[in-house]
Amino acid sequence: TPKNIQHIEGKDSEFMKAYRDKGRVSSILGNIPLFAVMVEDLGVRGAHHACLEEYKRMTKEATNANEKRFVVSSYAVSAIAVTVAVGA
């Protein structure tokens, strides 16, 4: 969003006109606030958070079952790969 904020800010921007021009639901959308996320790495942050939550879940399951091995889901592997690749 930081790269394109000039195209979406302001009530009369093309983005806001298109956002509000939704036919029957336009009146509802007019009452819903719209926020711009001003960070570039939101996807990486989400992947990092998902990885940590999956790790906590796996650790808890392993502790509860007195197991030494983990079954890592593809979801956790993807999150770990993204986190490591970016260096987060």
N, C-alpha and C. Protein backbone atom coordinates (compact mmCIF):
# COMPACT_ATOMS: atom_id res chain seq x y z
N THR A 1 0.80 -1.21 0.00
CA THR A 1 0.00 0.00 0.00
C THR A 1 0.84 1.27 0.00
N PRO A 2 1.99 1.31 0.68
CA PRO A 2 2.76 2.57 0.66
C PRO A 2 3.10 3.03 -0.76
N LYS A 3 3.33 2.08 -1.65
CA LYS A 3 3.70 2.44 -3.02
C LYS A 3 2.53 3.07 -3.79
N ASN A 4 1.30 2.69 -3.43
CA ASN A 4 0.14 3.12 -4.19
C ASN A 4 -0.83 4.00 -3.41
N ILE A 5 -0.41 4.50 -2.27
CA ILE A 5 -1.32 5.25 -1.41
C ILE A 5 -1.90 6.47 -2.12
N GLN A 6 -1.16 7.10 -2.99
CA GLN A 6 -1.68 8.28 -3.68
C GLN A 6 -2.87 7.96 -4.57
N HIS A 7 -3.01 6.69 -4.98
CA HIS A 7 -4.13 6.29 -5.84
C HIS A 7 -5.38 5.95 -5.05
N ILE A 8 -5.24 5.70 -3.75
CA ILE A 8 -6.39 5.24 -2.98
C ILE A 8 -6.83 6.20 -1.87
N GLU A 9 -6.01 7.18 -1.52
CA GLU A 9 -6.41 8.07 -0.43
C GLU A 9 -7.33 9.18 -0.94
N GLY A 10 -8.21 9.59 -0.06
CA GLY A 10 -9.16 10.64 -0.40
C GLY A 10 -10.52 10.08 -0.78
N LYS A 11 -11.57 10.78 -0.36
CA LYS A 11 -12.93 10.30 -0.62
C LYS A 11 -13.28 10.29 -2.10
N ASP A 12 -12.60 11.11 -2.90
CA ASP A 12 -12.92 11.21 -4.31
C ASP A 12 -11.96 10.43 -5.20
N SER A 13 -11.10 9.60 -4.60
CA SER A 13 -10.16 8.82 -5.41
C SER A 13 -10.91 7.76 -6.21
N GLU A 14 -10.32 7.32 -7.28
CA GLU A 14 -10.94 6.29 -8.12
C GLU A 14 -11.20 5.02 -7.31
N PHE A 15 -10.27 4.70 -6.42
CA PHE A 15 -10.45 3.50 -5.59
C PHE A 15 -11.68 3.62 -4.71
N MET A 16 -11.82 4.77 -4.03
CA MET A 16 -12.96 4.95 -3.13
C MET A 16 -14.28 5.01 -3.89
N LYS A 17 -14.27 5.60 -5.07
CA LYS A 17 -15.49 5.61 -5.89
C LYS A 17 -15.89 4.18 -6.25
N ALA A 18 -14.92 3.38 -6.66
CA ALA A 18 -15.21 1.99 -7.02
C ALA A 18 -15.62 1.18 -5.79
N TYR A 19 -15.00 1.46 -4.64
CA TYR A 19 -15.34 0.76 -3.39
C TYR A 19 -16.80 1.01 -3.00
N ARG A 20 -17.24 2.27 -3.14
CA ARG A 20 -18.61 2.62 -2.74
C ARG A 20 -19.65 2.28 -3.80
N ASP A 21 -19.24 2.12 -5.03
CA ASP A 21 -20.19 1.87 -6.12
C ASP A 21 -20.48 0.37 -6.25
N LYS A 22 -21.26 -0.15 -5.31
CA LYS A 22 -21.54 -1.59 -5.27
C LYS A 22 -23.04 -1.89 -5.28
N GLY A 23 -23.80 -1.04 -5.90
CA GLY A 23 -25.23 -1.29 -6.03
C GLY A 23 -25.96 -1.29 -4.70
N ARG A 24 -26.67 -2.39 -4.44
CA ARG A 24 -27.52 -2.48 -3.24
C ARG A 24 -26.74 -2.35 -1.94
N VAL A 25 -25.50 -2.73 -1.91
CA VAL A 25 -24.74 -2.69 -0.66
C VAL A 25 -23.95 -1.40 -0.48
N SER A 26 -24.09 -0.47 -1.40
CA SER A 26 -23.34 0.80 -1.30
C SER A 26 -23.62 1.52 0.00
N SER A 27 -24.88 1.54 0.44
CA SER A 27 -25.21 2.26 1.69
C SER A 27 -24.55 1.61 2.89
N ILE A 28 -24.39 0.30 2.86
CA ILE A 28 -23.72 -0.41 3.96
C ILE A 28 -22.22 -0.11 3.94
N LEU A 29 -21.61 -0.14 2.76
CA LEU A 29 -20.18 0.11 2.65
C LEU A 29 -19.81 1.52 3.10
N GLY A 30 -20.73 2.45 2.95
CA GLY A 30 -20.46 3.82 3.37
C GLY A 30 -20.24 3.95 4.87
N ASN A 31 -20.75 2.98 5.63
CA ASN A 31 -20.61 3.01 7.09
C ASN A 31 -19.47 2.14 7.60
N ILE A 32 -18.79 1.45 6.71
CA ILE A 32 -17.69 0.57 7.12
C ILE A 32 -16.37 1.29 6.90
N PRO A 33 -15.59 1.47 7.96
CA PRO A 33 -14.30 2.14 7.78
C PRO A 33 -13.33 1.28 6.96
N LEU A 34 -12.50 1.94 6.21
CA LEU A 34 -11.51 1.26 5.37
C LEU A 34 -10.14 1.80 5.76
N PHE A 35 -9.24 0.89 6.11
CA PHE A 35 -7.90 1.27 6.55
C PHE A 35 -6.86 0.75 5.57
N ALA A 36 -5.81 1.53 5.36
CA ALA A 36 -4.69 1.12 4.52
C ALA A 36 -3.57 0.60 5.41
N VAL A 37 -3.05 -0.55 5.07
CA VAL A 37 -1.93 -1.13 5.81
C VAL A 37 -0.65 -0.57 5.19
N MET A 38 0.14 0.10 6.00
CA MET A 38 1.30 0.82 5.48
C MET A 38 2.63 0.12 5.74
N VAL A 39 2.65 -1.18 5.64
CA VAL A 39 3.90 -1.93 5.74
C VAL A 39 4.07 -2.79 4.49
N GLU A 40 5.29 -3.02 4.11
CA GLU A 40 5.58 -3.79 2.91
C GLU A 40 5.62 -5.29 3.15
N ASP A 41 5.87 -5.70 4.39
CA ASP A 41 6.13 -7.12 4.65
C ASP A 41 4.99 -7.80 5.42
N LEU A 42 3.76 -7.42 5.14
CA LEU A 42 2.63 -7.98 5.88
C LEU A 42 2.52 -9.49 5.68
N GLY A 43 2.73 -9.98 4.48
CA GLY A 43 2.67 -11.41 4.22
C GLY A 43 3.73 -12.18 5.00
N VAL A 44 4.91 -11.65 5.07
CA VAL A 44 6.00 -12.30 5.82
C VAL A 44 5.68 -12.30 7.31
N ARG A 45 5.12 -11.20 7.79
CA ARG A 45 4.73 -11.15 9.20
C ARG A 45 3.68 -12.21 9.51
N GLY A 46 2.72 -12.37 8.60
CA GLY A 46 1.68 -13.39 8.79
C GLY A 46 2.26 -14.79 8.77
N ALA A 47 3.17 -15.04 7.85
CA ALA A 47 3.81 -16.36 7.78
C ALA A 47 4.62 -16.64 9.04
N HIS A 48 5.30 -15.64 9.54
CA HIS A 48 6.09 -15.79 10.76
C HIS A 48 5.17 -16.11 11.94
N HIS A 49 4.07 -15.39 12.05
CA HIS A 49 3.12 -15.63 13.13
C HIS A 49 2.53 -17.04 13.03
N ALA A 50 2.15 -17.44 11.82
CA ALA A 50 1.60 -18.78 11.62
C ALA A 50 2.60 -19.86 11.99
N CYS A 51 3.86 -19.63 11.66
CA CYS A 51 4.92 -20.58 11.99
C CYS A 51 5.06 -20.71 13.50
N LEU A 52 5.07 -19.61 14.20
CA LEU A 52 5.20 -19.65 15.66
C LEU A 52 4.01 -20.36 16.31
N GLU A 53 2.80 -20.08 15.82
CA GLU A 53 1.62 -20.73 16.38
C GLU A 53 1.64 -22.24 16.11
N GLU A 54 2.07 -22.63 14.93
CA GLU A 54 2.15 -24.05 14.59
C GLU A 54 3.21 -24.74 15.45
N TYR A 55 4.33 -24.06 15.67
CA TYR A 55 5.38 -24.61 16.52
C TYR A 55 4.88 -24.81 17.95
N LYS A 56 4.16 -23.81 18.47
CA LYS A 56 3.59 -23.93 19.81
C LYS A 56 2.63 -25.11 19.89
N ARG A 57 1.79 -25.25 18.87
CA ARG A 57 0.84 -26.36 18.85
C ARG A 57 1.55 -27.70 18.81
N MET A 58 2.55 -27.82 17.96
CA MET A 58 3.28 -29.08 17.83
C MET A 58 4.03 -29.40 19.12
N THR A 59 4.63 -28.39 19.74
CA THR A 59 5.36 -28.59 20.98
C THR A 59 4.42 -29.05 22.09
N LYS A 60 3.26 -28.44 22.17
CA LYS A 60 2.27 -28.81 23.18
C LYS A 60 1.79 -30.24 22.96
N GLU A 61 1.51 -30.60 21.70
CA GLU A 61 1.05 -31.96 21.39
C GLU A 61 2.13 -32.98 21.74
N ALA A 62 3.38 -32.66 21.41
CA ALA A 62 4.48 -33.59 21.69
C ALA A 62 4.68 -33.75 23.19
N THR A 63 4.56 -32.65 23.93
CA THR A 63 4.70 -32.71 25.38
C THR A 63 3.57 -33.52 26.00
N ASN A 64 2.36 -33.29 25.52
CA ASN A 64 1.21 -34.00 26.05
C ASN A 64 1.28 -35.50 25.78
N ALA A 65 1.87 -35.87 24.67
CA ALA A 65 1.93 -37.28 24.29
C ALA A 65 3.26 -37.91 24.69
N ASN A 66 4.15 -37.15 25.34
CA ASN A 66 5.49 -37.63 25.71
C ASN A 66 6.24 -38.17 24.49
N GLU A 67 6.11 -37.48 23.37
CA GLU A 67 6.79 -37.90 22.15
C GLU A 67 8.00 -37.01 21.93
N LYS A 68 9.01 -37.56 21.30
CA LYS A 68 10.21 -36.80 20.97
C LYS A 68 10.20 -36.35 19.51
N ARG A 69 9.30 -36.89 18.71
CA ARG A 69 9.29 -36.55 17.29
C ARG A 69 8.08 -35.68 16.97
N PHE A 70 8.22 -34.88 15.95
CA PHE A 70 7.14 -34.00 15.53
C PHE A 70 6.68 -34.39 14.13
N VAL A 71 5.42 -34.25 13.93
CA VAL A 71 4.87 -34.38 12.58
C VAL A 71 4.59 -32.96 12.12
N VAL A 72 5.39 -32.51 11.19
CA VAL A 72 5.30 -31.13 10.74
C VAL A 72 4.38 -31.04 9.55
N SER A 73 3.37 -30.21 9.66
CA SER A 73 2.44 -30.03 8.55
C SER A 73 3.09 -29.19 7.45
N SER A 74 2.56 -29.29 6.25
CA SER A 74 3.10 -28.50 5.15
C SER A 74 2.90 -27.01 5.41
N TYR A 75 1.88 -26.66 6.18
CA TYR A 75 1.63 -25.27 6.54
C TYR A 75 2.80 -24.71 7.34
N ALA A 76 3.25 -25.46 8.31
CA ALA A 76 4.38 -25.01 9.13
C ALA A 76 5.66 -24.95 8.32
N VAL A 77 5.86 -25.93 7.46
CA VAL A 77 7.08 -25.95 6.63
C VAL A 77 7.11 -24.72 5.74
N SER A 78 5.97 -24.37 5.15
CA SER A 78 5.91 -23.17 4.30
C SER A 78 6.22 -21.93 5.11
N ALA A 79 5.63 -21.80 6.30
CA ALA A 79 5.87 -20.63 7.12
C ALA A 79 7.34 -20.55 7.54
N ILE A 80 7.93 -21.68 7.88
CA ILE A 80 9.34 -21.71 8.26
C ILE A 80 10.21 -21.31 7.09
N ALA A 81 9.90 -21.82 5.90
CA ALA A 81 10.68 -21.50 4.70
C ALA A 81 10.64 -20.01 4.40
N VAL A 82 9.48 -19.39 4.51
CA VAL A 82 9.37 -17.96 4.25
C VAL A 82 10.12 -17.18 5.30
N THR A 83 9.98 -17.57 6.55
CA THR A 83 10.64 -16.86 7.64
C THR A 83 12.15 -16.94 7.49
N VAL A 84 12.67 -18.10 7.18
CA VAL A 84 14.12 -18.28 7.02
C VAL A 84 14.63 -17.52 5.80
N ALA A 85 13.87 -17.57 4.70
CA ALA A 85 14.30 -16.92 3.47
C ALA A 85 14.42 -15.40 3.64
N VAL A 86 13.53 -14.84 4.42
CA VAL A 86 13.53 -13.40 4.61
C VAL A 86 14.45 -12.99 5.75
N GLY A 87 14.75 -13.89 6.63
CA GLY A 87 15.61 -13.59 7.76
C GLY A 87 14.89 -12.95 8.90
N ALA A 88 13.61 -13.23 9.01
CA ALA A 88 12.81 -12.63 10.10
C ALA A 88 13.10 -13.31 11.41
